[in-house]
Protein backbone atom coordinates (compact mmCIF):
# COMPACT_ATOMS: atom_id res chain seq x y z
CA MET A 1 24.59 -4.18 26.48
CA GLU A 2 23.30 -6.37 24.02
CA LYS A 3 25.50 -8.92 22.92
CA GLU A 4 26.68 -8.92 19.03
CA ASN A 5 24.98 -11.25 16.86
CA GLN A 6 27.21 -13.72 16.24
CA ASP A 7 25.26 -16.44 14.18
CA GLY A 8 24.30 -13.58 11.89
CA SER A 9 20.82 -14.84 11.88
CA PHE A 10 17.86 -13.03 12.93
CA LYS A 11 16.33 -13.24 16.35
CA ARG A 12 12.74 -14.66 16.62
CA GLU A 13 11.21 -12.42 19.44
CA LEU A 14 7.52 -11.90 17.16
CA GLY A 15 4.20 -13.54 17.91
CA LEU A 16 0.86 -13.68 16.63
CA LEU A 17 -0.41 -10.61 17.78
CA ASP A 18 2.79 -8.84 16.23
CA GLY A 19 2.29 -10.32 12.82
CA THR A 20 -1.31 -9.49 12.75
CA MET A 21 -0.18 -5.68 13.76
CA LEU A 22 2.35 -5.58 11.05
CA VAL A 23 -0.63 -6.78 8.69
CA VAL A 24 -3.23 -4.03 10.01
CA GLY A 25 -1.12 -1.76 10.26
CA SER A 26 0.89 -1.49 6.81
CA MET A 27 -2.31 -1.51 5.16
CA ILE A 28 -3.88 1.12 7.02
CA GLY A 29 -2.29 4.50 5.84
CA SER A 30 -3.90 7.42 4.61
CA GLY A 31 -6.17 6.12 1.48
CA ILE A 32 -8.65 4.92 3.41
CA PHE A 33 -9.29 8.74 4.31
CA ILE A 34 -9.05 10.04 0.79
CA VAL A 35 -9.32 7.81 -2.32
CA SER A 36 -13.01 7.05 -1.92
CA ALA A 37 -13.52 10.42 -3.69
CA ASP A 38 -11.41 9.71 -6.76
CA ILE A 39 -13.89 6.07 -6.90
CA VAL A 40 -17.01 8.20 -7.14
CA ARG A 41 -15.71 10.20 -9.88
CA ASN A 42 -15.21 6.77 -11.49
CA VAL A 43 -18.21 4.74 -10.79
CA GLY A 44 -20.53 7.18 -9.24
CA SER A 45 -23.14 6.11 -7.12
CA ALA A 46 -23.37 4.43 -3.53
CA GLY A 47 -23.45 0.88 -4.92
CA TRP A 48 -20.42 0.94 -6.40
CA LEU A 49 -18.75 2.60 -4.46
CA ILE A 50 -18.88 -0.26 -2.04
CA ALA A 51 -18.82 -2.66 -4.36
CA VAL A 52 -15.35 -1.47 -5.14
CA TRP A 53 -14.12 -1.73 -1.34
CA VAL A 54 -15.87 -5.12 -0.76
CA ILE A 55 -14.59 -6.50 -4.69
CA THR A 56 -11.15 -5.45 -3.18
CA GLY A 57 -11.44 -6.61 0.61
CA LEU A 58 -12.27 -10.10 -1.56
CA MET A 59 -9.32 -9.81 -3.50
CA THR A 60 -7.06 -9.16 -0.55
CA MET A 61 -8.37 -11.70 1.72
CA THR A 62 -8.23 -14.45 -0.97
CA ALA A 63 -4.74 -13.53 -1.74
CA ALA A 64 -3.78 -13.59 2.05
CA ILE A 65 -5.09 -16.66 2.74
CA SER A 66 -3.29 -18.47 -0.77
CA TYR A 67 -0.18 -16.89 0.40
CA GLY A 68 -0.71 -19.03 3.71
CA GLU A 69 0.39 -21.49 2.39
CA MET A 70 4.24 -20.64 1.01
CA SER A 71 4.22 -19.31 4.48
CA GLY A 72 3.89 -22.49 5.56
CA MET A 73 6.56 -23.99 3.02
CA TYR A 74 9.12 -21.53 3.29
CA PRO A 75 9.18 -19.74 6.48
CA LYS A 76 11.87 -17.55 5.32
CA ALA A 77 12.78 -13.83 5.33
CA GLY A 78 12.24 -12.34 2.17
CA GLY A 79 8.53 -13.93 1.89
CA GLN A 80 6.79 -13.25 -1.68
CA TYR A 81 10.42 -12.71 -3.39
CA VAL A 82 11.52 -16.46 -1.92
CA TYR A 83 7.95 -17.83 -2.92
CA LEU A 84 8.41 -16.22 -6.90
CA LYS A 85 11.66 -17.75 -6.84
CA GLU A 86 10.97 -21.56 -5.83
CA SER A 87 7.85 -21.34 -8.36
CA TYR A 88 9.69 -20.06 -11.25
CA ASN A 89 13.19 -19.00 -11.16
CA LYS A 90 15.69 -16.49 -9.74
CA LEU A 91 14.97 -13.76 -12.90
CA ILE A 92 11.28 -13.16 -11.81
CA ALA A 93 12.16 -13.15 -8.10
CA PHE A 94 14.65 -10.56 -8.98
CA LEU A 95 12.06 -8.61 -10.92
CA TYR A 96 9.85 -8.18 -7.97
CA GLY A 97 12.68 -7.64 -5.75
CA TRP A 98 14.02 -4.95 -8.02
CA SER A 99 10.88 -2.97 -8.89
CA PHE A 100 10.03 -3.54 -4.96
CA PHE A 101 13.65 -1.51 -3.88
CA ALA A 102 13.06 0.92 -7.08
CA VAL A 103 9.14 2.04 -6.50
CA ILE A 104 6.81 -0.40 -4.92
CA GLN A 105 8.31 -0.65 -0.91
CA THR A 106 10.25 2.97 -1.32
CA GLY A 107 7.91 4.83 -3.09
CA THR A 108 5.10 4.12 -0.78
CA ILE A 109 7.02 4.47 1.66
CA ALA A 110 7.70 8.31 0.50
CA ALA A 111 3.90 8.80 -0.16
CA VAL A 112 3.03 7.88 3.10
CA GLY A 113 5.68 10.13 4.43
CA VAL A 114 4.47 12.76 2.40
CA ALA A 115 0.76 12.10 3.92
CA PHE A 116 2.09 12.49 7.35
CA SER A 117 3.53 15.74 6.78
CA LYS A 118 0.67 16.96 4.68
CA PHE A 119 -1.55 16.41 7.70
CA ALA A 120 0.58 17.56 10.22
CA ALA A 121 0.38 21.27 8.40
CA TYR A 122 -3.35 21.44 9.99
CA LEU A 123 -1.44 21.52 13.45
CA ILE A 124 1.98 23.08 12.69
CA PRO A 125 1.20 25.01 9.28
CA VAL A 126 4.97 25.81 8.28
CA LEU A 127 4.87 21.96 7.47
CA SER A 128 2.12 22.70 4.66
CA GLU A 129 3.04 21.26 1.08
CA ASP A 130 2.69 25.00 0.32
CA ASN A 131 5.89 26.22 1.71
CA LYS A 132 8.11 26.25 -0.85
CA LEU A 133 11.69 25.94 0.23
CA LEU A 134 13.17 25.59 -3.15
CA LYS A 135 11.06 26.59 -6.69
CA ILE A 136 13.03 26.34 -9.88
CA GLN A 137 10.83 26.93 -12.81
CA THR A 138 11.38 24.18 -15.49
CA GLY A 139 9.49 24.47 -18.34
CA LEU A 140 5.62 24.94 -19.64
CA ASP A 141 2.77 22.04 -19.24
CA ASP A 142 0.33 21.40 -21.81
CA CYS A 143 -1.85 24.43 -20.70
CA ASN A 144 0.95 26.63 -21.08
CA ALA A 145 1.56 27.19 -17.88
CA PRO A 146 5.28 27.34 -15.84
CA THR A 147 6.16 23.51 -14.58
CA TYR A 148 8.32 23.58 -11.42
CA PHE A 149 10.88 21.37 -10.06
CA SER A 150 10.09 22.47 -5.82
CA ILE A 151 10.55 21.18 -2.54
CA SER A 152 8.54 21.98 0.17
CA SER A 153 8.65 21.74 4.12
CA ALA A 154 6.07 18.73 3.97
CA GLN A 155 8.54 16.95 1.90
CA ILE A 156 11.84 17.85 4.49
CA MET A 157 9.57 16.75 7.21
CA SER A 158 8.64 13.29 5.63
CA ILE A 159 12.19 12.76 5.00
CA ALA A 160 13.38 13.47 8.50
CA ILE A 161 9.81 10.83 9.73
CA ILE A 162 11.59 8.08 7.69
CA ALA A 163 15.32 8.78 8.38
CA LEU A 164 13.96 8.75 12.30
CA LEU A 165 12.24 5.26 11.90
CA THR A 166 14.97 3.81 9.79
CA TYR A 167 17.41 4.66 12.24
CA SER A 168 14.81 3.21 15.05
CA ASN A 169 14.77 -0.27 13.31
CA THR A 170 18.36 -0.77 13.19
CA ARG A 171 18.00 -0.83 17.11
CA GLY A 172 16.90 -4.11 17.00
CA VAL A 173 13.12 -5.67 15.79
CA LYS A 174 11.75 -5.33 19.23
CA GLY A 175 11.80 -1.80 19.42
CA GLY A 176 10.14 -1.79 15.76
CA LYS A 177 7.30 -4.14 17.02
CA TRP A 178 6.46 -1.57 20.30
CA ILE A 179 6.43 0.88 17.84
CA GLN A 180 3.86 -0.57 15.46
CA ASN A 181 1.65 -2.09 18.04
CA ILE A 182 1.68 1.01 19.83
CA PHE A 183 0.11 2.97 17.00
CA THR A 184 -1.40 0.24 15.22
CA SER A 185 -3.67 -0.18 18.00
CA THR A 186 -4.17 3.71 18.59
CA LYS A 187 -5.33 4.24 15.05
CA LEU A 188 -7.46 1.39 15.40
CA LEU A 189 -9.31 2.82 18.11
CA ALA A 190 -9.46 6.19 16.40
CA LEU A 191 -10.97 4.63 13.23
CA PHE A 192 -13.30 2.78 15.34
CA GLY A 193 -14.70 5.82 17.07
CA LEU A 194 -15.30 7.75 13.86
CA ILE A 195 -16.97 4.56 12.65
CA ILE A 196 -19.32 5.00 15.88
CA ALA A 197 -19.41 8.76 16.10
CA GLY A 198 -20.96 8.17 11.92
CA VAL A 199 -23.62 6.00 13.22
CA VAL A 200 -24.86 8.06 15.97
CA MET A 201 -24.48 11.30 13.40
CA PHE A 202 -26.38 9.12 10.89
CA LYS A 203 -28.42 11.42 8.68
CA PRO A 204 -30.99 9.45 7.22
CA GLU A 205 -32.41 12.35 4.40
CA VAL A 206 -28.77 12.23 2.80
CA TRP A 207 -28.51 8.16 3.73
CA ASN A 208 -31.87 7.60 1.35
CA ALA A 209 -30.71 10.15 -1.18
CA ASN A 210 -27.27 8.77 -1.80
CA TRP A 211 -28.88 4.58 -2.02
CA THR A 212 -31.78 6.29 -4.62
CA ASN A 213 -30.62 4.92 -7.59
CA ALA A 214 -27.65 2.91 -5.88
CA TRP A 215 -26.01 1.34 -9.01
CA MET A 216 -26.74 4.13 -11.35
CA ALA A 217 -22.97 4.50 -12.08
CA THR A 218 -21.60 7.55 -13.60
CA LYS A 219 -17.98 9.16 -14.28
CA ALA A 220 -17.35 12.66 -13.85
CA THR A 221 -14.88 14.34 -16.14
CA LEU A 222 -12.90 17.53 -16.02
CA VAL A 223 -14.33 20.04 -18.29
CA ASP A 224 -10.86 21.71 -19.14
CA SER A 225 -8.53 20.65 -17.22
CA CYS A 226 -6.72 24.12 -18.33
CA ASN A 227 -9.61 25.66 -16.25
CA VAL A 228 -10.18 24.88 -12.89
CA ALA A 229 -13.43 26.86 -12.89
CA GLY A 230 -14.48 24.57 -15.48
CA GLY A 231 -15.26 21.77 -13.42
CA PHE A 232 -16.64 18.48 -14.19
CA SER A 233 -19.10 17.25 -16.15
CA VAL A 234 -20.97 13.94 -15.34
CA ALA A 235 -22.53 11.14 -17.62
CA PRO A 236 -23.81 7.78 -17.16
CA ILE A 237 -21.83 4.63 -17.71
CA ALA A 238 -22.40 1.10 -18.69
CA GLY A 239 -21.14 -2.07 -20.23
CA THR A 240 -17.26 -1.69 -21.24
CA ALA A 241 -17.02 1.84 -20.32
CA LEU A 242 -18.28 1.20 -16.58
CA LEU A 243 -15.88 -1.80 -16.15
CA GLY A 244 -13.16 0.63 -17.21
CA GLY A 245 -14.70 2.96 -14.33
CA ILE A 246 -14.29 0.04 -11.95
CA ALA A 247 -10.67 -0.80 -12.88
CA ALA A 248 -9.67 3.03 -12.58
CA ALA A 249 -11.68 3.22 -9.21
CA LEU A 250 -9.57 -0.42 -7.63
CA VAL A 251 -6.33 1.24 -8.49
CA GLY A 252 -6.92 3.85 -5.41
CA SER A 253 -8.28 1.07 -3.04
CA VAL A 254 -6.17 -1.38 -4.39
CA PHE A 255 -3.32 0.94 -3.23
CA SER A 256 -4.88 1.66 0.02
CA SER A 257 -5.13 -2.53 0.94
CA ASP A 258 -1.83 -3.06 -0.52
CA ALA A 259 1.55 -3.76 1.87
CA TRP A 260 -0.87 -6.86 3.76
CA ASN A 261 2.04 -9.33 2.24
CA ASN A 262 4.87 -7.38 4.35
CA VAL A 263 4.47 -10.13 7.13
CA THR A 264 6.09 -12.37 5.23
CA PHE A 265 9.09 -10.76 4.88
CA ILE A 266 10.05 -10.76 8.25
CA ALA A 267 8.99 -14.52 8.51
CA GLY A 268 12.70 -15.32 9.84
CA GLU A 269 11.77 -13.02 13.30
CA MET A 270 8.17 -14.95 13.62
CA LYS A 271 8.28 -17.07 16.02
CA ASN A 272 6.21 -20.60 15.02
CA PRO A 273 6.28 -19.07 11.42
CA LYS A 274 4.69 -21.47 9.72
CA ARG A 275 1.23 -20.91 11.77
CA ASN A 276 1.78 -17.60 13.01
CA ILE A 277 1.91 -15.94 9.18
CA GLY A 278 -0.88 -17.67 7.57
CA LEU A 279 -2.52 -16.45 10.75
CA SER A 280 -1.59 -13.28 10.80
CA LEU A 281 -2.33 -12.49 6.85
CA PHE A 282 -5.90 -13.87 7.21
CA LEU A 283 -7.07 -11.91 10.63
CA GLY A 284 -5.37 -8.90 9.31
CA THR A 285 -6.91 -8.60 6.16
CA LEU A 286 -9.97 -9.75 7.51
CA ILE A 287 -9.73 -6.78 10.28
CA VAL A 288 -8.78 -4.10 7.55
CA THR A 289 -11.78 -4.99 5.25
CA ILE A 290 -14.43 -4.45 7.35
CA ILE A 291 -12.95 -1.27 8.81
CA TYR A 292 -12.91 0.08 4.90
CA VAL A 293 -16.25 -1.01 4.57
CA CYS A 294 -17.77 0.39 7.53
CA ALA A 295 -15.97 3.53 6.92
CA ASN A 296 -16.91 4.62 3.58
CA LEU A 297 -20.97 3.46 4.66
CA VAL A 298 -20.34 6.47 7.39
CA TYR A 299 -19.29 8.58 4.57
CA LEU A 300 -22.28 7.79 2.70
CA ALA A 301 -23.85 8.31 6.00
CA VAL A 302 -23.73 11.84 6.67
CA LEU A 303 -22.04 13.17 3.31
CA PRO A 304 -24.23 13.70 -0.32
CA MET A 305 -22.42 12.03 -2.81
CA ASP A 306 -21.30 15.08 -4.07
CA GLU A 307 -19.57 16.24 -1.57
CA ILE A 308 -17.56 12.95 -1.18
CA ALA A 309 -16.52 13.33 -4.98
CA HIS A 310 -15.36 16.63 -4.85
CA ALA A 311 -14.05 16.88 -1.36
CA THR A 312 -11.41 19.58 -0.96
CA LYS A 313 -7.92 17.78 -2.52
CA ASP A 314 -9.82 14.70 -2.06
CA ARG A 315 -9.95 14.29 2.16
CA VAL A 316 -13.41 13.05 2.44
CA ALA A 317 -12.23 11.56 6.23
CA VAL A 318 -11.67 15.49 6.81
CA THR A 319 -14.97 16.66 5.41
CA ALA A 320 -17.11 13.77 6.30
CA SER A 321 -15.67 14.81 10.49
CA THR A 322 -16.51 18.15 10.07
CA VAL A 323 -20.06 17.22 9.76
CA ILE A 324 -19.86 14.60 12.73
CA PHE A 325 -17.67 16.49 15.47
CA GLY A 326 -17.92 20.11 14.37
CA SER A 327 -15.01 22.31 13.97
CA ILE A 328 -12.85 20.28 16.21
CA GLY A 329 -13.07 17.66 13.20
CA THR A 330 -10.32 18.53 11.14
CA GLY A 331 -7.94 18.35 14.21
CA LEU A 332 -9.20 15.24 15.02
CA ILE A 333 -8.60 13.81 11.64
CA ALA A 334 -5.01 15.34 11.29
CA VAL A 335 -4.20 13.84 14.12
CA MET A 336 -5.77 10.62 13.61
CA ILE A 337 -3.80 10.60 10.07
CA MET A 338 -0.43 11.19 12.00
CA ILE A 339 -0.85 8.61 13.87
CA SER A 340 -1.98 6.39 11.24
CA THR A 341 0.52 7.14 8.29
CA PHE A 342 3.56 6.89 10.93
CA GLY A 343 2.59 3.72 12.03
CA CYS A 344 2.19 2.35 8.74
CA ASN A 345 5.67 3.63 7.71
CA ASN A 346 7.21 1.66 10.96
CA GLY A 347 5.83 -1.42 9.12
CA LEU A 348 6.90 -0.87 5.54
CA ILE A 349 10.62 0.15 6.46
CA LEU A 350 10.99 -2.65 9.05
CA ALA A 351 9.47 -5.55 6.87
CA GLY A 352 10.89 -4.03 3.30
CA SER A 353 14.56 -4.33 4.46
CA ARG A 354 13.97 -8.37 4.84
CA VAL A 355 14.00 -8.56 1.14
CA TYR A 356 17.10 -6.70 0.00
CA TYR A 357 18.56 -9.13 2.82
CA THR A 358 17.61 -12.45 1.11
CA MET A 359 18.21 -10.93 -2.34
CA ALA A 360 21.41 -10.35 -1.30
CA LYS A 361 22.16 -13.76 0.31
CA ASP A 362 21.14 -15.07 -3.64
CA GLY A 363 23.73 -12.63 -4.69
CA LEU A 364 21.13 -10.35 -6.46
CA PHE A 365 21.30 -7.25 -4.22
CA PHE A 366 24.31 -5.45 -2.54
CA LYS A 367 26.56 -7.53 -0.66
CA ASN A 368 26.15 -5.20 2.28
CA ALA A 369 22.29 -5.77 2.33
CA GLY A 370 23.02 -9.16 3.58
CA LYS A 371 24.98 -8.22 6.90
CA LEU A 372 22.85 -8.46 10.23
CA ASN A 373 24.09 -5.44 12.50
CA LYS A 374 24.67 -6.54 16.47
CA HIS A 375 21.31 -5.98 17.05
CA GLY A 376 20.16 -8.39 14.64
CA VAL A 377 19.20 -6.60 12.13
CA PRO A 378 20.18 -5.45 8.24
CA GLU A 379 21.00 -1.86 8.91
CA TRP A 380 22.55 -1.75 5.46
CA ALA A 381 19.57 -2.48 3.82
CA LEU A 382 17.45 -0.02 5.82
CA TRP A 383 19.43 2.96 4.79
CA ALA A 384 19.49 1.96 1.25
CA GLN A 385 15.47 1.65 1.52
CA CYS A 386 15.31 4.92 3.27
CA LEU A 387 18.12 6.67 0.99
CA VAL A 388 16.09 5.67 -2.36
CA ALA A 389 12.25 6.97 -0.56
CA ALA A 390 14.24 10.31 0.45
CA ILE A 391 14.70 10.71 -3.64
CA LEU A 392 11.55 9.73 -3.88
CA CYS A 393 10.17 12.31 -1.80
CA LEU A 394 12.16 14.95 -3.50
CA SER A 395 11.11 14.31 -6.55
CA GLY A 396 7.46 14.75 -5.86
CA LYS A 397 6.29 12.23 -8.65
CA TYR A 398 6.07 9.29 -5.80
CA GLY A 399 2.03 9.31 -6.20
CA ASP A 400 3.09 9.23 -10.04
CA LEU A 401 4.93 6.01 -9.50
CA LEU A 402 2.99 4.23 -7.43
CA ASP A 403 -0.04 5.05 -9.92
CA MET A 404 1.90 3.87 -12.54
CA ILE A 405 3.04 1.04 -10.72
CA SER A 406 -0.15 -0.20 -9.79
CA PHE A 407 -0.69 -3.12 -12.31
CA VAL A 408 2.46 -4.40 -11.94
CA VAL A 409 2.03 -4.70 -8.10
CA VAL A 410 -1.24 -6.82 -8.89
CA ILE A 411 0.49 -8.79 -11.91
CA PHE A 412 3.02 -10.39 -9.22
CA TYR A 413 0.43 -11.26 -6.27
CA VAL A 414 -0.92 -13.10 -9.81
CA LEU A 415 2.36 -14.77 -10.42
CA THR A 416 3.28 -15.85 -6.85
CA ILE A 417 -0.80 -17.02 -6.21
CA GLY A 418 0.40 -18.96 -9.49
CA GLY A 419 2.76 -20.69 -8.01
CA ILE A 420 0.60 -22.68 -5.63
CA PHE A 421 -0.95 -24.55 -8.74
CA ILE A 422 3.19 -24.82 -9.85
CA LEU A 423 4.08 -25.74 -6.36
CA ARG A 424 1.09 -28.79 -5.93
CA LYS A 425 2.60 -30.52 -8.99
CA ARG A 426 5.61 -30.25 -8.63
CA LEU A 427 6.19 -30.95 -5.43
CA PRO A 428 2.68 -32.97 -4.30
CA ASN A 429 4.84 -34.48 -1.27
CA ALA A 430 5.99 -31.32 0.43
CA GLU A 431 4.97 -30.69 4.04
CA ARG A 432 2.18 -28.12 4.07
CA PRO A 433 1.43 -27.03 7.49
CA TYR A 434 -1.39 -24.81 5.99
CA ARG A 435 -3.02 -25.36 2.50
CA ALA A 436 -4.95 -22.49 0.87
CA PHE A 437 -8.34 -22.35 1.78
CA GLY A 438 -10.86 -22.66 -1.28
CA TYR A 439 -8.29 -24.71 -3.43
CA PRO A 440 -8.41 -24.98 -6.49
CA LEU A 441 -11.36 -22.36 -6.67
CA LEU A 442 -10.44 -19.17 -4.42
CA PRO A 443 -6.96 -18.78 -5.84
CA ALA A 444 -7.78 -19.59 -9.52
CA LEU A 445 -10.72 -16.37 -8.72
CA TYR A 446 -8.19 -14.22 -7.61
CA ILE A 447 -5.74 -14.81 -10.78
CA ILE A 448 -8.82 -14.55 -13.37
CA LEU A 449 -9.90 -10.88 -11.11
CA GLY A 450 -5.91 -9.72 -11.08
CA ILE A 451 -5.30 -10.80 -14.96
CA SER A 452 -8.89 -8.85 -15.68
CA PHE A 453 -8.04 -5.99 -13.83
CA CYS A 454 -4.90 -5.68 -15.55
CA PHE A 455 -6.08 -5.99 -18.97
CA LEU A 456 -8.84 -3.48 -18.21
CA LEU A 457 -5.81 -0.94 -17.12
CA ILE A 458 -3.83 -1.39 -19.99
CA TRP A 459 -7.47 -0.90 -22.11
CA PHE A 460 -8.52 2.06 -20.00
CA LYS A 461 -5.24 3.67 -18.85
CA PRO A 462 -2.73 2.87 -20.82
CA GLN A 463 -0.51 5.93 -19.01
CA PHE A 464 -0.67 3.86 -15.65
CA THR A 465 0.70 0.42 -17.43
CA GLY A 466 3.14 1.83 -20.06
CA PRO A 467 5.75 2.98 -17.44
CA GLY A 468 4.79 0.59 -14.85
CA LEU A 469 6.25 -2.27 -17.36
CA ILE A 470 8.97 -0.30 -18.28
CA ILE A 471 10.49 0.02 -14.62
CA VAL A 472 10.15 -4.10 -14.33
CA LEU A 473 11.77 -4.74 -17.36
CA ILE A 474 14.76 -2.41 -16.41
CA GLY A 475 15.47 -5.05 -14.20
CA ILE A 476 15.84 -7.54 -16.68
CA PRO A 477 19.56 -6.07 -18.05
CA ILE A 478 20.11 -5.73 -14.55
CA TYR A 479 20.10 -8.85 -14.09
CA TYR A 480 21.99 -10.50 -16.18
CA LEU A 481 24.62 -7.98 -15.65
CA THR A 482 24.47 -8.85 -12.00
CA ARG A 483 24.95 -13.09 -13.35
CA GLN A 484 28.14 -11.80 -15.04
CA LYS A 485 29.38 -10.24 -12.34
CA GLU A 486 28.63 -13.01 -10.11
CA SER A 487 30.31 -15.79 -12.74
CA ASN A 488 33.24 -14.06 -13.34
């Protein structure tokens, strides 16, 4: 029997490979198999599709290697939360932690869990999101059609998977590590297999047609949202409209590339964290960027642009796999996405709870979240995270919440990278085992790109930004109420 964790400290059981697998596994969920459809509807051409993924990859890698400097200075559990606290103050750090708990991490866990169930339905139809276990009419929408609150078997299955992985992670970090490594390795092999098969089944006529007028951007707009049969109207875009299209397209690709920072949350369990966190960030984001760009090149090699834009339920990978593998393609992709989302959620669940643990140690979260069980993991924090993720699964609004918070995530990335400049000035002689590559140009470039992305979303997609800001701002009174209670 494992001895109780007497000193209340994390166990350093994770090496460089484990950290890299966590970065890769947390980043690759279901997005790469789906979001290219929405990207093409927003920018409309092969050149801009690949450009969006390349821009996302460069932004992600720039941010990741910049975080390497912070991880070397503060190799503590909590990662980004700690960096914000040290660079700014507890309020900014709390607002990040609050948003993280309310929707960023928990909403992502919910969305990935439901994605697992949706694709499991290909093999077990009863798990379909169309199988409603409860359905209650709540009103009428803008098209005078009834709206419902419903619970599907897919949502129940997603909660069961989240609970199973949460329980597994309460048994210690070693079990979570093995799940992560096995499932991430499997999904990498499967993705490489898909890419190689796509190259073998390369269709020159499709490729050439897709790359004709590769930079002529267009936007597809639903003709009549109340009439699905009305289809889409496609119009060329340029200038500010093109910038708006790129910003809207980036919403999907940025979320598909998010969660790379999860490895910073488990610094307390990494061996030699001053070295391995930074290397894990670089290697993991590089691997995923290459895979994402190659996967989209495969889509372009076997599917016409129109089929990418209007794939059934946006399942581009399913459509491409059917072309490549024939009738068994759907089943192969379903299994691949189940493996991918299962491993992704394990990484998200494992890492997220460490943020709440560190917040609790600072007196900014429930006290019980700051305790480790006999296996050296924050069990209470894990189950609290599981509960919120389950509620978001049942709400059916996890996708909307992720869209609403997308620009907020980038704002916190911008603030964190801005902290490098602040700490270089405030603590010029502090130990920095790793210095941000390309400083100050690359960190400054990310800040410029990140701010531009956020402003474009505010301008062109205010429905994404307003609710996201509200979620963050709700944290301000909660913070001061927490501080007042602490002072009493």
